[in-house]
Amino acid sequence: MKVFVTIQNKEIPVFADSLNKKTLKLLKTALDKKVQTGRHTLKKCLQTLISIEVVGCEAILHSLNEKDSLALSLY
């Protein structure tokens, strides 16, 4: 399943086997919070974000540079 979320005025594709509204809301809330209060490494990843993959209760943030990709817990 593919859905788009808006982060920092960019449309980012979100891939998952199954996405429900609760998971999507948790993802959006977590990303908005990290944009404001995240550390330098996380902010760097979010600036170059190209896609998000949701696996279970984690979101894998894929960035342009593979070294900057991170896993973010949703719960």
Protein backbone atom coordinates (compact mmCIF):
# COMPACT_ATOMS: atom_id res chain seq x y z
CA MET A 1 0.00 0.00 0.00
CA LYS A 2 1.25 3.48 -0.85
CA VAL A 3 0.11 6.71 0.81
CA PHE A 4 1.57 10.21 0.77
CA VAL A 5 2.20 12.42 3.83
CA THR A 6 3.27 16.05 3.85
CA ILE A 7 6.40 16.84 5.85
CA GLN A 8 8.09 20.25 5.64
CA ASN A 9 5.97 21.12 2.57
CA LYS A 10 7.11 17.97 0.72
CA GLU A 11 4.96 15.01 -0.33
CA ILE A 12 6.69 11.85 0.94
CA PRO A 13 5.49 8.36 -0.07
CA VAL A 14 4.76 5.93 2.77
CA PHE A 15 4.93 2.22 1.97
CA ALA A 16 3.43 -0.52 4.16
CA ASP A 17 1.74 -3.89 3.90
CA SER A 18 -1.23 -2.53 5.83
CA LEU A 19 -1.79 1.01 7.04
CA ASN A 20 -4.66 2.13 9.21
CA LYS A 21 -5.62 5.63 10.32
CA LYS A 22 -4.14 5.14 13.80
CA THR A 23 -0.70 4.17 12.45
CA LEU A 24 -0.74 7.01 9.94
CA LYS A 25 -1.70 9.49 12.69
CA LEU A 26 1.10 8.18 14.96
CA LEU A 27 3.60 8.52 12.09
CA LYS A 28 2.55 12.08 11.29
CA THR A 29 2.63 13.08 14.98
CA ALA A 30 6.06 11.53 15.52
CA LEU A 31 7.53 13.19 12.43
CA ASP A 32 6.11 16.62 13.28
CA LYS A 33 7.53 16.35 16.80
CA LYS A 34 10.95 15.27 15.50
CA VAL A 35 11.06 18.15 13.02
CA GLN A 36 10.74 20.56 15.94
CA THR A 37 12.70 18.84 18.72
CA GLY A 38 14.87 16.23 16.97
CA ARG A 39 18.63 16.09 17.16
CA HIS A 40 20.93 17.09 14.30
CA THR A 41 21.16 13.58 12.80
CA LEU A 42 17.39 13.16 12.67
CA LYS A 43 16.84 16.64 11.24
CA LYS A 44 19.43 15.90 8.55
CA CYS A 45 17.58 12.72 7.65
CA LEU A 46 14.24 14.55 7.48
CA GLN A 47 15.68 17.24 5.19
CA THR A 48 16.75 14.65 2.61
CA LEU A 49 13.84 12.23 3.14
CA ILE A 50 12.71 10.39 0.01
CA SER A 51 10.39 7.69 1.38
CA ILE A 52 9.10 6.01 4.53
CA GLU A 53 8.54 2.31 5.05
CA VAL A 54 6.32 1.19 7.94
CA VAL A 55 7.25 -2.23 9.34
CA GLY A 56 5.26 -3.27 12.39
CA CYS A 57 5.58 -0.47 14.94
CA GLU A 58 8.62 1.17 13.32
CA ALA A 59 9.01 3.62 10.48
CA ILE A 60 12.16 3.31 8.38
CA LEU A 61 13.09 6.77 7.09
CA HIS A 62 14.95 6.50 3.79
CA SER A 63 17.04 9.53 2.80
CA LEU A 64 19.09 10.41 -0.26
CA ASN A 65 22.28 9.33 1.48
CA GLU A 66 21.92 5.73 2.66
CA LYS A 67 24.03 6.49 5.74
CA ASP A 68 21.42 9.02 6.92
CA SER A 69 18.51 6.52 6.89
CA LEU A 70 17.00 5.90 10.33
CA ALA A 71 14.40 3.80 12.13
CA LEU A 72 11.79 5.63 14.19
CA SER A 73 9.58 3.91 16.76
CA LEU A 74 5.92 4.83 16.47
CA TYR A 75 4.79 3.57 19.88
